[in-house]
Amino acid sequence: MKNPILADGVMTIFLGEDERPVDLKANARAAKAISRHFGGIADAYGKVSAMDFAAVEAIFNAATGRVGKDAEATADEVFDAGMAFVAPLLSQYLGFLASGGKAPKAAKEADAETEPAEGNAEAA
């Protein structure tokens, strides 16, 4: 499984055997929806840690902006991907959301290490 990709305001996760990308948006709308639903981001963490299926579904929908028929499909998507896989990703997303959609410094440094700086490529 691929690791999530953190960019400004978006955490891309990869679900299923085909590793299809899903963008979880860290924005004020998602933060407000999650806070209202759970009484705060910390309470959402608790529900995700307890692997509360309805909570995982609600956070997933808030993060993706899904409503209506699209939101109804989330339960099957989460179940098929596996709660043991999705819940830790949503815990990471909640931290990303709480930081205003900014990647932690450690993640930025890891990304910088994997991409050589311009002009610093190794000679053959």
PDB file of N, CA and C in Angstrom:
ATOM      1  N   MET A   1       0.830  -1.184   0.000  1.00  0.00           N
ATOM      2  CA  MET A   1       0.000   0.000   0.000  1.00  0.00           C
ATOM      3  C   MET A   1       0.877   1.252   0.000  1.00  0.00           C
ATOM      4  N   LYS A   2       0.420   2.234  -0.730  1.00  0.00           N
ATOM      5  CA  LYS A   2       1.152   3.486  -0.801  1.00  0.00           C
ATOM      6  C   LYS A   2       0.908   4.324   0.447  1.00  0.00           C
ATOM      7  N   ASN A   3       1.917   5.079   0.818  1.00  0.00           N
ATOM      8  CA  ASN A   3       1.772   6.024   1.920  1.00  0.00           C
ATOM      9  C   ASN A   3       0.970   7.226   1.447  1.00  0.00           C
ATOM     10  N   PRO A   4       0.263   7.881   2.363  1.00  0.00           N
ATOM     11  CA  PRO A   4      -0.479   9.086   1.975  1.00  0.00           C
ATOM     12  C   PRO A   4       0.477  10.181   1.497  1.00  0.00           C
ATOM     13  N   ILE A   5      -0.033  11.020   0.638  1.00  0.00           N
ATOM     14  CA  ILE A   5       0.715  12.177   0.154  1.00  0.00           C
ATOM     15  C   ILE A   5       0.078  13.414   0.764  1.00  0.00           C
ATOM     16  N   LEU A   6       0.882  14.225   1.432  1.00  0.00           N
ATOM     17  CA  LEU A   6       0.402  15.451   2.046  1.00  0.00           C
ATOM     18  C   LEU A   6       0.842  16.631   1.203  1.00  0.00           C
ATOM     19  N   ALA A   7      -0.124  17.414   0.783  1.00  0.00           N
ATOM     20  CA  ALA A   7       0.156  18.645   0.049  1.00  0.00           C
ATOM     21  C   ALA A   7      -0.621  19.746   0.745  1.00  0.00           C
ATOM     22  N   ASP A   8      -0.443  20.960   0.332  1.00  0.00           N
ATOM     23  CA  ASP A   8      -1.143  22.065   0.981  1.00  0.00           C
ATOM     24  C   ASP A   8      -2.649  21.854   0.931  1.00  0.00           C
ATOM     25  N   GLY A   9      -3.201  21.476   2.088  1.00  0.00           N
ATOM     26  CA  GLY A   9      -4.634  21.342   2.226  1.00  0.00           C
ATOM     27  C   GLY A   9      -5.244  20.056   1.717  1.00  0.00           C
ATOM     28  N   VAL A  10      -4.442  19.133   1.202  1.00  0.00           N
ATOM     29  CA  VAL A  10      -4.986  17.875   0.680  1.00  0.00           C
ATOM     30  C   VAL A  10      -4.102  16.711   1.119  1.00  0.00           C
ATOM     31  N   MET A  11      -4.753  15.678   1.631  1.00  0.00           N
ATOM     32  CA  MET A  11      -4.069  14.432   1.961  1.00  0.00           C
ATOM     33  C   MET A  11      -4.626  13.376   1.016  1.00  0.00           C
ATOM     34  N   THR A  12      -3.795  12.861   0.142  1.00  0.00           N
ATOM     35  CA  THR A  12      -4.234  11.840  -0.801  1.00  0.00           C
ATOM     36  C   THR A  12      -3.904  10.474  -0.225  1.00  0.00           C
ATOM     37  N   ILE A  13      -4.952   9.652  -0.089  1.00  0.00           N
ATOM     38  CA  ILE A  13      -4.772   8.281   0.369  1.00  0.00           C
ATOM     39  C   ILE A  13      -5.083   7.349  -0.787  1.00  0.00           C
ATOM     40  N   PHE A  14      -4.675   6.107  -0.663  1.00  0.00           N
ATOM     41  CA  PHE A  14      -4.855   5.133  -1.739  1.00  0.00           C
ATOM     42  C   PHE A  14      -5.599   3.926  -1.176  1.00  0.00           C
ATOM     43  N   LEU A  15      -6.771   3.645  -1.753  1.00  0.00           N
ATOM     44  CA  LEU A  15      -7.641   2.595  -1.234  1.00  0.00           C
ATOM     45  C   LEU A  15      -7.781   1.435  -2.188  1.00  0.00           C
ATOM     46  N   GLY A  16      -7.966   0.271  -1.618  1.00  0.00           N
ATOM     47  CA  GLY A  16      -8.252  -0.923  -2.400  1.00  0.00           C
ATOM     48  C   GLY A  16      -7.023  -1.522  -3.040  1.00  0.00           C
ATOM     49  N   GLU A  17      -7.243  -2.679  -3.646  1.00  0.00           N
ATOM     50  CA  GLU A  17      -6.141  -3.370  -4.309  1.00  0.00           C
ATOM     51  C   GLU A  17      -5.607  -2.584  -5.495  1.00  0.00           C
ATOM     52  N   ASP A  18      -6.485  -1.782  -6.114  1.00  0.00           N
ATOM     53  CA  ASP A  18      -6.058  -0.981  -7.257  1.00  0.00           C
ATOM     54  C   ASP A  18      -5.428   0.349  -6.831  1.00  0.00           C
ATOM     55  N   GLU A  19      -5.374   0.570  -5.503  1.00  0.00           N
ATOM     56  CA  GLU A  19      -4.764   1.770  -4.934  1.00  0.00           C
ATOM     57  C   GLU A  19      -5.289   3.045  -5.584  1.00  0.00           C
ATOM     58  N   ARG A  20      -6.622   3.139  -5.674  1.00  0.00           N
ATOM     59  CA  ARG A  20      -7.219   4.337  -6.267  1.00  0.00           C
ATOM     60  C   ARG A  20      -7.059   5.520  -5.311  1.00  0.00           C
ATOM     61  N   PRO A  21      -6.655   6.667  -5.841  1.00  0.00           N
ATOM     62  CA  PRO A  21      -6.425   7.835  -4.986  1.00  0.00           C
ATOM     63  C   PRO A  21      -7.741   8.466  -4.524  1.00  0.00           C
ATOM     64  N   VAL A  22      -7.762   8.882  -3.270  1.00  0.00           N
ATOM     65  CA  VAL A  22      -8.892   9.615  -2.704  1.00  0.00           C
ATOM     66  C   VAL A  22      -8.307  10.833  -1.997  1.00  0.00           C
ATOM     67  N   ASP A  23      -8.799  12.011  -2.357  1.00  0.00           N
ATOM     68  CA  ASP A  23      -8.317  13.245  -1.746  1.00  0.00           C
ATOM     69  C   ASP A  23      -9.158  13.604  -0.528  1.00  0.00           C
ATOM     70  N   LEU A  24      -8.490  13.727   0.608  1.00  0.00           N
ATOM     71  CA  LEU A  24      -9.129  14.191   1.834  1.00  0.00           C
ATOM     72  C   LEU A  24      -8.729  15.642   2.006  1.00  0.00           C
ATOM     73  N   LYS A  25      -9.694  16.529   1.956  1.00  0.00           N
ATOM     74  CA  LYS A  25      -9.412  17.967   1.990  1.00  0.00           C
ATOM     75  C   LYS A  25      -9.408  18.482   3.426  1.00  0.00           C
ATOM     76  N   ALA A  26      -8.349  19.158   3.788  1.00  0.00           N
ATOM     77  CA  ALA A  26      -8.236  19.791   5.100  1.00  0.00           C
ATOM     78  C   ALA A  26      -8.568  21.258   4.918  1.00  0.00           C
ATOM     79  N   ASN A  27      -9.823  21.585   5.153  1.00  0.00           N
ATOM     80  CA  ASN A  27     -10.266  22.965   4.988  1.00  0.00           C
ATOM     81  C   ASN A  27     -11.239  23.322   6.113  1.00  0.00           C
ATOM     82  N   ALA A  28     -11.623  24.581   6.169  1.00  0.00           N
ATOM     83  CA  ALA A  28     -12.501  25.050   7.239  1.00  0.00           C
ATOM     84  C   ALA A  28     -13.853  24.343   7.208  1.00  0.00           C
ATOM     85  N   ARG A  29     -14.361  24.052   6.034  1.00  0.00           N
ATOM     86  CA  ARG A  29     -15.651  23.377   5.917  1.00  0.00           C
ATOM     87  C   ARG A  29     -15.602  22.000   6.568  1.00  0.00           C
ATOM     88  N   ALA A  30     -14.562  21.231   6.277  1.00  0.00           N
ATOM     89  CA  ALA A  30     -14.419  19.899   6.857  1.00  0.00           C
ATOM     90  C   ALA A  30     -14.219  19.989   8.376  1.00  0.00           C
ATOM     91  N   ALA A  31     -13.386  20.929   8.825  1.00  0.00           N
ATOM     92  CA  ALA A  31     -13.140  21.090  10.257  1.00  0.00           C
ATOM     93  C   ALA A  31     -14.437  21.429  10.995  1.00  0.00           C
ATOM     94  N   LYS A  32     -15.216  22.307  10.421  1.00  0.00           N
ATOM     95  CA  LYS A  32     -16.475  22.713  11.040  1.00  0.00           C
ATOM     96  C   LYS A  32     -17.463  21.551  11.086  1.00  0.00           C
ATOM     97  N   ALA A  33     -17.572  20.816   9.994  1.00  0.00           N
ATOM     98  CA  ALA A  33     -18.502  19.680   9.937  1.00  0.00           C
ATOM     99  C   ALA A  33     -18.123  18.606  10.959  1.00  0.00           C
ATOM    100  N   ILE A  34     -16.834  18.292  11.037  1.00  0.00           N
ATOM    101  CA  ILE A  34     -16.365  17.267  11.975  1.00  0.00           C
ATOM    102  C   ILE A  34     -16.532  17.751  13.415  1.00  0.00           C
ATOM    103  N   SER A  35     -16.189  18.984  13.685  1.00  0.00           N
ATOM    104  CA  SER A  35     -16.332  19.534  15.032  1.00  0.00           C
ATOM    105  C   SER A  35     -17.788  19.532  15.477  1.00  0.00           C
ATOM    106  N   ARG A  36     -18.672  19.928  14.601  1.00  0.00           N
ATOM    107  CA  ARG A  36     -20.104  19.937  14.948  1.00  0.00           C
ATOM    108  C   ARG A  36     -20.621  18.526  15.200  1.00  0.00           C
ATOM    109  N   HIS A  37     -20.211  17.603  14.362  1.00  0.00           N
ATOM    110  CA  HIS A  37     -20.706  16.230  14.468  1.00  0.00           C
ATOM    111  C   HIS A  37     -20.234  15.546  15.752  1.00  0.00           C
ATOM    112  N   PHE A  38     -18.987  15.791  16.134  1.00  0.00           N
ATOM    113  CA  PHE A  38     -18.388  15.075  17.264  1.00  0.00           C
ATOM    114  C   PHE A  38     -18.207  15.917  18.520  1.00  0.00           C
ATOM    115  N   GLY A  39     -18.436  17.208  18.420  1.00  0.00           N
ATOM    116  CA  GLY A  39     -18.195  18.073  19.574  1.00  0.00           C
ATOM    117  C   GLY A  39     -16.738  18.477  19.688  1.00  0.00           C
ATOM    118  N   GLY A  40     -15.992  18.338  18.607  1.00  0.00           N
ATOM    119  CA  GLY A  40     -14.586  18.740  18.577  1.00  0.00           C
ATOM    120  C   GLY A  40     -13.722  17.703  17.880  1.00  0.00           C
ATOM    121  N   ILE A  41     -12.577  18.142  17.407  1.00  0.00           N
ATOM    122  CA  ILE A  41     -11.644  17.263  16.698  1.00  0.00           C
ATOM    123  C   ILE A  41     -11.122  16.168  17.638  1.00  0.00           C
ATOM    124  N   ALA A  42     -10.866  16.507  18.907  1.00  0.00           N
ATOM    125  CA  ALA A  42     -10.353  15.510  19.856  1.00  0.00           C
ATOM    126  C   ALA A  42     -11.348  14.368  20.040  1.00  0.00           C
ATOM    127  N   ASP A  43     -12.633  14.685  20.081  1.00  0.00           N
ATOM    128  CA  ASP A  43     -13.642  13.633  20.216  1.00  0.00           C
ATOM    129  C   ASP A  43     -13.707  12.774  18.961  1.00  0.00           C
ATOM    130  N   ALA A  44     -13.468  13.385  17.809  1.00  0.00           N
ATOM    131  CA  ALA A  44     -13.419  12.613  16.563  1.00  0.00           C
ATOM    132  C   ALA A  44     -12.262  11.618  16.599  1.00  0.00           C
ATOM    133  N   TYR A  45     -11.103  12.055  17.120  1.00  0.00           N
ATOM    134  CA  TYR A  45      -9.952  11.155  17.289  1.00  0.00           C
ATOM    135  C   TYR A  45     -10.342   9.920  18.105  1.00  0.00           C
ATOM    136  N   GLY A  46     -11.049  10.172  19.214  1.00  0.00           N
ATOM    137  CA  GLY A  46     -11.444   9.077  20.089  1.00  0.00           C
ATOM    138  C   GLY A  46     -12.320   8.056  19.378  1.00  0.00           C
ATOM    139  N   LYS A  47     -13.256   8.547  18.596  1.00  0.00           N
ATOM    140  CA  LYS A  47     -14.154   7.650  17.864  1.00  0.00           C
ATOM    141  C   LYS A  47     -13.392   6.855  16.802  1.00  0.00           C
ATOM    142  N   VAL A  48     -12.472   7.512  16.107  1.00  0.00           N
ATOM    143  CA  VAL A  48     -11.690   6.819  15.088  1.00  0.00           C
ATOM    144  C   VAL A  48     -10.786   5.782  15.750  1.00  0.00           C
ATOM    145  N   SER A  49     -10.179   6.142  16.874  1.00  0.00           N
ATOM    146  CA  SER A  49      -9.316   5.198  17.596  1.00  0.00           C
ATOM    147  C   SER A  49     -10.083   3.967  18.058  1.00  0.00           C
ATOM    148  N   ALA A  50     -11.355   4.169  18.382  1.00  0.00           N
ATOM    149  CA  ALA A  50     -12.208   3.059  18.800  1.00  0.00           C
ATOM    150  C   ALA A  50     -12.767   2.293  17.601  1.00  0.00           C
ATOM    151  N   MET A  51     -12.381   2.722  16.404  1.00  0.00           N
ATOM    152  CA  MET A  51     -12.852   2.125  15.148  1.00  0.00           C
ATOM    153  C   MET A  51     -14.375   2.120  15.057  1.00  0.00           C
ATOM    154  N   ASP A  52     -14.968   3.229  15.447  1.00  0.00           N
ATOM    155  CA  ASP A  52     -16.406   3.428  15.324  1.00  0.00           C
ATOM    156  C   ASP A  52     -16.716   3.621  13.838  1.00  0.00           C
ATOM    157  N   PHE A  53     -17.407   2.657  13.262  1.00  0.00           N
ATOM    158  CA  PHE A  53     -17.635   2.655  11.814  1.00  0.00           C
ATOM    159  C   PHE A  53     -18.389   3.899  11.351  1.00  0.00           C
ATOM    160  N   ALA A  54     -19.446   4.271  12.077  1.00  0.00           N
ATOM    161  CA  ALA A  54     -20.233   5.448  11.693  1.00  0.00           C
ATOM    162  C   ALA A  54     -19.380   6.715  11.753  1.00  0.00           C
ATOM    163  N   ALA A  55     -18.483   6.791  12.723  1.00  0.00           N
ATOM    164  CA  ALA A  55     -17.601   7.954  12.840  1.00  0.00           C
ATOM    165  C   ALA A  55     -16.627   8.010  11.672  1.00  0.00           C
ATOM    166  N   VAL A  56     -16.044   6.872  11.334  1.00  0.00           N
ATOM    167  CA  VAL A  56     -15.117   6.818  10.200  1.00  0.00           C
ATOM    168  C   VAL A  56     -15.834   7.246   8.920  1.00  0.00           C
ATOM    169  N   GLU A  57     -17.032   6.758   8.739  1.00  0.00           N
ATOM    170  CA  GLU A  57     -17.824   7.129   7.561  1.00  0.00           C
ATOM    171  C   GLU A  57     -18.104   8.637   7.535  1.00  0.00           C
ATOM    172  N   ALA A  58     -18.505   9.204   8.679  1.00  0.00           N
ATOM    173  CA  ALA A  58     -18.813  10.633   8.748  1.00  0.00           C
ATOM    174  C   ALA A  58     -17.579  11.492   8.460  1.00  0.00           C
ATOM    175  N   ILE A  59     -16.440  11.121   9.023  1.00  0.00           N
ATOM    176  CA  ILE A  59     -15.208  11.881   8.797  1.00  0.00           C
ATOM    177  C   ILE A  59     -14.775  11.767   7.335  1.00  0.00           C
ATOM    178  N   PHE A  60     -14.871  10.575   6.795  1.00  0.00           N
ATOM    179  CA  PHE A  60     -14.513  10.355   5.385  1.00  0.00           C
ATOM    180  C   PHE A  60     -15.364  11.243   4.487  1.00  0.00           C
ATOM    181  N   ASN A  61     -16.669  11.298   4.743  1.00  0.00           N
ATOM    182  CA  ASN A  61     -17.560  12.131   3.938  1.00  0.00           C
ATOM    183  C   ASN A  61     -17.248  13.611   4.089  1.00  0.00           C
ATOM    184  N   ALA A  62     -16.976  14.049   5.320  1.00  0.00           N
ATOM    185  CA  ALA A  62     -16.633  15.455   5.534  1.00  0.00           C
ATOM    186  C   ALA A  62     -15.327  15.805   4.827  1.00  0.00           C
ATOM    187  N   ALA A  63     -14.358  14.904   4.889  1.00  0.00           N
ATOM    188  CA  ALA A  63     -13.041  15.153   4.293  1.00  0.00           C
ATOM    189  C   ALA A  63     -13.076  15.157   2.770  1.00  0.00           C
ATOM    190  N   THR A  64     -13.942  14.344   2.193  1.00  0.00           N
ATOM    191  CA  THR A  64     -14.020  14.273   0.729  1.00  0.00           C
ATOM    192  C   THR A  64     -15.066  15.224   0.158  1.00  0.00           C
ATOM    193  N   GLY A  65     -15.914  15.760   1.019  1.00  0.00           N
ATOM    194  CA  GLY A  65     -16.972  16.648   0.552  1.00  0.00           C
ATOM    195  C   GLY A  65     -18.128  15.892  -0.080  1.00  0.00           C
ATOM    196  N   ARG A  66     -18.224  14.607   0.207  1.00  0.00           N
ATOM    197  CA  ARG A  66     -19.292  13.801  -0.378  1.00  0.00           C
ATOM    198  C   ARG A  66     -20.627  14.074   0.305  1.00  0.00           C
ATOM    199  N   VAL A  67     -21.661  14.156  -0.516  1.00  0.00           N
ATOM    200  CA  VAL A  67     -23.032  14.311  -0.025  1.00  0.00           C
ATOM    201  C   VAL A  67     -23.950  13.463  -0.904  1.00  0.00           C
ATOM    202  N   GLY A  68     -25.162  13.251  -0.432  1.00  0.00           N
ATOM    203  CA  GLY A  68     -26.161  12.536  -1.226  1.00  0.00           C
ATOM    204  C   GLY A  68     -25.750  11.121  -1.578  1.00  0.00           C
ATOM    205  N   LYS A  69     -25.962  10.760  -2.834  1.00  0.00           N
ATOM    206  CA  LYS A  69     -25.669   9.396  -3.305  1.00  0.00           C
ATOM    207  C   LYS A  69     -24.192   9.061  -3.168  1.00  0.00           C
ATOM    208  N   ASP A  70     -23.322  10.038  -3.396  1.00  0.00           N
ATOM    209  CA  ASP A  70     -21.876   9.794  -3.245  1.00  0.00           C
ATOM    210  C   ASP A  70     -21.547   9.409  -1.807  1.00  0.00           C
ATOM    211  N   ALA A  71     -22.174  10.088  -0.844  1.00  0.00           N
ATOM    212  CA  ALA A  71     -21.917   9.791   0.572  1.00  0.00           C
ATOM    213  C   ALA A  71     -22.442   8.412   0.947  1.00  0.00           C
ATOM    214  N   GLU A  72     -23.531   7.990   0.328  1.00  0.00           N
ATOM    215  CA  GLU A  72     -24.096   6.673   0.624  1.00  0.00           C
ATOM    216  C   GLU A  72     -23.133   5.550   0.242  1.00  0.00           C
ATOM    217  N   ALA A  73     -22.307   5.766  -0.758  1.00  0.00           N
ATOM    218  CA  ALA A  73     -21.358   4.746  -1.210  1.00  0.00           C
ATOM    219  C   ALA A  73     -20.146   4.622  -0.286  1.00  0.00           C
ATOM    220  N   THR A  74     -19.950   5.583   0.606  1.00  0.00           N
ATOM    221  CA  THR A  74     -18.781   5.587   1.473  1.00  0.00           C
ATOM    222  C   THR A  74     -18.716   4.363   2.380  1.00  0.00           C
ATOM    223  N   ALA A  75     -19.847   3.947   2.928  1.00  0.00           N
ATOM    224  CA  ALA A  75     -19.843   2.807   3.856  1.00  0.00           C
ATOM    225  C   ALA A  75     -19.237   1.577   3.199  1.00  0.00           C
ATOM    226  N   ASP A  76     -19.658   1.268   1.982  1.00  0.00           N
ATOM    227  CA  ASP A  76     -19.112   0.105   1.287  1.00  0.00           C
ATOM    228  C   ASP A  76     -17.640   0.296   0.960  1.00  0.00           C
ATOM    229  N   GLU A  77     -17.266   1.496   0.566  1.00  0.00           N
ATOM    230  CA  GLU A  77     -15.868   1.771   0.217  1.00  0.00           C
ATOM    231  C   GLU A  77     -14.957   1.590   1.433  1.00  0.00           C
ATOM    232  N   VAL A  78     -15.389   2.107   2.575  1.00  0.00           N
ATOM    233  CA  VAL A  78     -14.604   1.972   3.806  1.00  0.00           C
ATOM    234  C   VAL A  78     -14.546   0.511   4.238  1.00  0.00           C
ATOM    235  N   PHE A  79     -15.680  -0.173   4.194  1.00  0.00           N
ATOM    236  CA  PHE A  79     -15.711  -1.572   4.600  1.00  0.00           C
ATOM    237  C   PHE A  79     -14.820  -2.419   3.706  1.00  0.00           C
ATOM    238  N   ASP A  80     -14.910  -2.196   2.385  1.00  0.00           N
ATOM    239  CA  ASP A  80     -14.102  -2.969   1.443  1.00  0.00           C
ATOM    240  C   ASP A  80     -12.611  -2.720   1.628  1.00  0.00           C
ATOM    241  N   ALA A  81     -12.234  -1.489   1.927  1.00  0.00           N
ATOM    242  CA  ALA A  81     -10.818  -1.165   2.138  1.00  0.00           C
ATOM    243  C   ALA A  81     -10.327  -1.730   3.471  1.00  0.00           C
ATOM    244  N   GLY A  82     -11.228  -1.847   4.436  1.00  0.00           N
ATOM    245  CA  GLY A  82     -10.880  -2.392   5.747  1.00  0.00           C
ATOM    246  C   GLY A  82     -10.733  -1.306   6.794  1.00  0.00           C
ATOM    247  N   MET A  83     -11.498  -1.437   7.865  1.00  0.00           N
ATOM    248  CA  MET A  83     -11.424  -0.464   8.955  1.00  0.00           C
ATOM    249  C   MET A  83     -10.018  -0.375   9.543  1.00  0.00           C
ATOM    250  N   ALA A  84      -9.337  -1.503   9.635  1.00  0.00           N
ATOM    251  CA  ALA A  84      -7.987  -1.516  10.207  1.00  0.00           C
ATOM    252  C   ALA A  84      -7.017  -0.707   9.348  1.00  0.00           C
ATOM    253  N   PHE A  85      -7.331  -0.521   8.078  1.00  0.00           N
ATOM    254  CA  PHE A  85      -6.500   0.268   7.175  1.00  0.00           C
ATOM    255  C   PHE A  85      -6.949   1.729   7.157  1.00  0.00           C
ATOM    256  N   VAL A  86      -8.258   1.957   7.091  1.00  0.00           N
ATOM    257  CA  VAL A  86      -8.790   3.314   6.925  1.00  0.00           C
ATOM    258  C   VAL A  86      -8.695   4.138   8.217  1.00  0.00           C
ATOM    259  N   ALA A  87      -8.996   3.542   9.368  1.00  0.00           N
ATOM    260  CA  ALA A  87      -9.023   4.302  10.625  1.00  0.00           C
ATOM    261  C   ALA A  87      -7.692   5.004  10.927  1.00  0.00           C
ATOM    262  N   PRO A  88      -6.544   4.333  10.815  1.00  0.00           N
ATOM    263  CA  PRO A  88      -5.281   5.048  11.075  1.00  0.00           C
ATOM    264  C   PRO A  88      -5.025   6.195  10.084  1.00  0.00           C
ATOM    265  N   LEU A  89      -5.470   6.024   8.852  1.00  0.00           N
ATOM    266  CA  LEU A  89      -5.317   7.106   7.874  1.00  0.00           C
ATOM    267  C   LEU A  89      -6.148   8.317   8.280  1.00  0.00           C
ATOM    268  N   LEU A  90      -7.360   8.054   8.797  1.00  0.00           N
ATOM    269  CA  LEU A  90      -8.205   9.167   9.221  1.00  0.00           C
ATOM    270  C   LEU A  90      -7.670   9.823  10.488  1.00  0.00           C
ATOM    271  N   SER A  91      -7.014   9.068  11.349  1.00  0.00           N
ATOM    272  CA  SER A  91      -6.348   9.681  12.501  1.00  0.00           C
ATOM    273  C   SER A  91      -5.263  10.636  12.025  1.00  0.00           C
ATOM    274  N   GLN A  92      -4.502  10.197  11.038  1.00  0.00           N
ATOM    275  CA  GLN A  92      -3.471  11.066  10.464  1.00  0.00           C
ATOM    276  C   GLN A  92      -4.115  12.292   9.811  1.00  0.00           C
ATOM    277  N   TYR A  93      -5.230  12.082   9.120  1.00  0.00           N
ATOM    278  CA  TYR A  93      -5.947  13.194   8.493  1.00  0.00           C
ATOM    279  C   TYR A  93      -6.401  14.207   9.544  1.00  0.00           C
ATOM    280  N   LEU A  94      -6.920  13.738  10.673  1.00  0.00           N
ATOM    281  CA  LEU A  94      -7.387  14.656  11.714  1.00  0.00           C
ATOM    282  C   LEU A  94      -6.243  15.519  12.235  1.00  0.00           C
ATOM    283  N   GLY A  95      -5.052  14.953  12.357  1.00  0.00           N
ATOM    284  CA  GLY A  95      -3.887  15.746  12.737  1.00  0.00           C
ATOM    285  C   GLY A  95      -3.533  16.777  11.676  1.00  0.00           C
ATOM    286  N   PHE A  96      -3.633  16.362  10.423  1.00  0.00           N
ATOM    287  CA  PHE A  96      -3.385  17.253   9.289  1.00  0.00           C
ATOM    288  C   PHE A  96      -4.413  18.387   9.282  1.00  0.00           C
ATOM    289  N   LEU A  97      -5.661  18.043   9.545  1.00  0.00           N
ATOM    290  CA  LEU A  97      -6.737  19.030   9.603  1.00  0.00           C
ATOM    291  C   LEU A  97      -6.492  20.011  10.747  1.00  0.00           C
ATOM    292  N   ALA A  98      -6.121  19.485  11.902  1.00  0.00           N
ATOM    293  CA  ALA A  98      -5.874  20.331  13.071  1.00  0.00           C
ATOM    294  C   ALA A  98      -4.698  21.284  12.861  1.00  0.00           C
ATOM    295  N   SER A  99      -3.773  20.916  11.969  1.00  0.00           N
ATOM    296  CA  SER A  99      -2.624  21.791  11.688  1.00  0.00           C
ATOM    297  C   SER A  99      -2.905  22.754  10.540  1.00  0.00           C
ATOM    298  N   GLY A 100      -4.172  22.884  10.176  1.00  0.00           N
ATOM    299  CA  GLY A 100      -4.542  23.819   9.114  1.00  0.00           C
ATOM    300  C   GLY A 100      -4.210  23.317   7.727  1.00  0.00           C
ATOM    301  N   GLY A 101      -4.084  22.004   7.571  1.00  0.00           N
ATOM    302  CA  GLY A 101      -3.796  21.446   6.254  1.00  0.00           C
ATOM    303  C   GLY A 101      -2.352  21.600   5.832  1.00  0.00           C
ATOM    304  N   LYS A 102      -1.497  21.797   6.805  1.00  0.00           N
ATOM    305  CA  LYS A 102      -0.065  21.927   6.506  1.00  0.00           C
ATOM    306  C   LYS A 102       0.637  20.640   6.913  1.00  0.00           C
ATOM    307  N   ALA A 103       1.485  20.162   6.044  1.00  0.00           N
ATOM    308  CA  ALA A 103       2.225  18.934   6.330  1.00  0.00           C
ATOM    309  C   ALA A 103       3.183  19.179   7.487  1.00  0.00           C
ATOM    310  N   PRO A 104       3.316  18.197   8.391  1.00  0.00           N
ATOM    311  CA  PRO A 104       4.294  18.345   9.474  1.00  0.00           C
ATOM    312  C   PRO A 104       5.695  18.516   8.912  1.00  0.00           C
ATOM    313  N   LYS A 105       6.551  19.191   9.658  1.00  0.00           N
ATOM    314  CA  LYS A 105       7.922  19.452   9.218  1.00  0.00           C
ATOM    315  C   LYS A 105       8.642  18.158   8.859  1.00  0.00           C
ATOM    316  N   ALA A 106       8.441  17.097   9.635  1.00  0.00           N
ATOM    317  CA  ALA A 106       9.115  15.820   9.372  1.00  0.00           C
ATOM    318  C   ALA A 106       8.711  15.263   8.013  1.00  0.00           C
ATOM    319  N   ALA A 107       7.442  15.414   7.642  1.00  0.00           N
ATOM    320  CA  ALA A 107       6.978  14.916   6.346  1.00  0.00           C
ATOM    321  C   ALA A 107       7.596  15.721   5.212  1.00  0.00           C
ATOM    322  N   LYS A 108       7.699  17.027   5.394  1.00  0.00           N
ATOM    323  CA  LYS A 108       8.312  17.875   4.369  1.00  0.00           C
ATOM    324  C   LYS A 108       9.780  17.520   4.188  1.00  0.00           C
ATOM    325  N   GLU A 109      10.476  17.255   5.309  1.00  0.00           N
ATOM    326  CA  GLU A 109      11.890  16.900   5.232  1.00  0.00           C
ATOM    327  C   GLU A 109      12.072  15.549   4.542  1.00  0.00           C
ATOM    328  N   ALA A 110      11.173  14.610   4.803  1.00  0.00           N
ATOM    329  CA  ALA A 110      11.254  13.292   4.163  1.00  0.00           C
ATOM    330  C   ALA A 110      11.036  13.420   2.659  1.00  0.00           C
ATOM    331  N   ASP A 111      10.089  14.278   2.254  1.00  0.00           N
ATOM    332  CA  ASP A 111       9.856  14.498   0.833  1.00  0.00           C
ATOM    333  C   ASP A 111      11.085  15.130   0.180  1.00  0.00           C
ATOM    334  N   ALA A 112      11.722  16.062   0.870  1.00  0.00           N
ATOM    335  CA  ALA A 112      12.907  16.728   0.334  1.00  0.00           C
ATOM    336  C   ALA A 112      14.057  15.745   0.166  1.00  0.00           C
ATOM    337  N   GLU A 113      14.160  14.770   1.072  1.00  0.00           N
ATOM    338  CA  GLU A 113      15.238  13.784   0.985  1.00  0.00           C
ATOM    339  C   GLU A 113      15.048  12.836  -0.189  1.00  0.00           C
ATOM    340  N   THR A 114      13.802  12.582  -0.593  1.00  0.00           N
ATOM    341  CA  THR A 114      13.550  11.646  -1.687  1.00  0.00           C
ATOM    342  C   THR A 114      13.715  12.301  -3.051  1.00  0.00           C
ATOM    343  N   GLU A 115      13.697  13.628  -3.093  1.00  0.00           N
ATOM    344  CA  GLU A 115      13.866  14.347  -4.348  1.00  0.00           C
ATOM    345  C   GLU A 115      15.186  15.104  -4.305  1.00  0.00           C
ATOM    346  N   PRO A 116      16.137  14.729  -5.171  1.00  0.00           N
ATOM    347  CA  PRO A 116      17.422  15.440  -5.151  1.00  0.00           C
ATOM    348  C   PRO A 116      17.248  16.903  -5.561  1.00  0.00           C
ATOM    349  N   ALA A 117      17.993  17.756  -4.910  1.00  0.00           N
ATOM    350  CA  ALA A 117      17.939  19.173  -5.240  1.00  0.00           C
ATOM    351  C   ALA A 117      18.491  19.370  -6.648  1.00  0.00           C
ATOM    352  N   GLU A 118      17.964  20.377  -7.326  1.00  0.00           N
ATOM    353  CA  GLU A 118      18.400  20.660  -8.695  1.00  0.00           C
ATOM    354  C   GLU A 118      19.892  20.905  -8.708  1.00  0.00           C
ATOM    355  N   GLY A 119      20.571  20.247  -9.607  1.00  0.00           N
ATOM    356  CA  GLY A 119      22.010  20.418  -9.735  1.00  0.00           C
ATOM    357  C   GLY A 119      22.812  19.528  -8.809  1.00  0.00           C
ATOM    358  N   ASN A 120      22.136  18.733  -7.990  1.00  0.00           N
ATOM    359  CA  ASN A 120      22.841  17.856  -7.060  1.00  0.00           C
ATOM    360  C   ASN A 120      22.687  16.389  -7.419  1.00  0.00           C
ATOM    361  N   ALA A 121      22.351  16.076  -8.641  1.00  0.00           N
ATOM    362  CA  ALA A 121      22.197  14.688  -9.038  1.00  0.00           C
ATOM    363  C   ALA A 121      23.578  14.026  -9.073  1.00  0.00           C
ATOM    364  N   GLU A 122      23.579  12.735  -8.784  1.00  0.00           N
ATOM    365  CA  GLU A 122      24.850  12.026  -8.806  1.00  0.00           C
ATOM    366  C   GLU A 122      25.323  11.833 -10.240  1.00  0.00           C
ATOM    367  N   ALA A 123      26.616  11.954 -10.417  1.00  0.00           N
ATOM    368  CA  ALA A 123      27.202  11.755 -11.751  1.00  0.00           C
ATOM    369  C   ALA A 123      27.283  10.264 -12.039  1.00  0.00           C
ATOM    370  N   ALA A 124      27.129   9.897 -13.300  1.00  0.00           N
ATOM    371  CA  ALA A 124      27.177   8.482 -13.685  1.00  0.00           C
ATOM    372  C   ALA A 124      28.572   7.990 -13.805  1.00  0.00           C
TER     373      ALA A 124
END
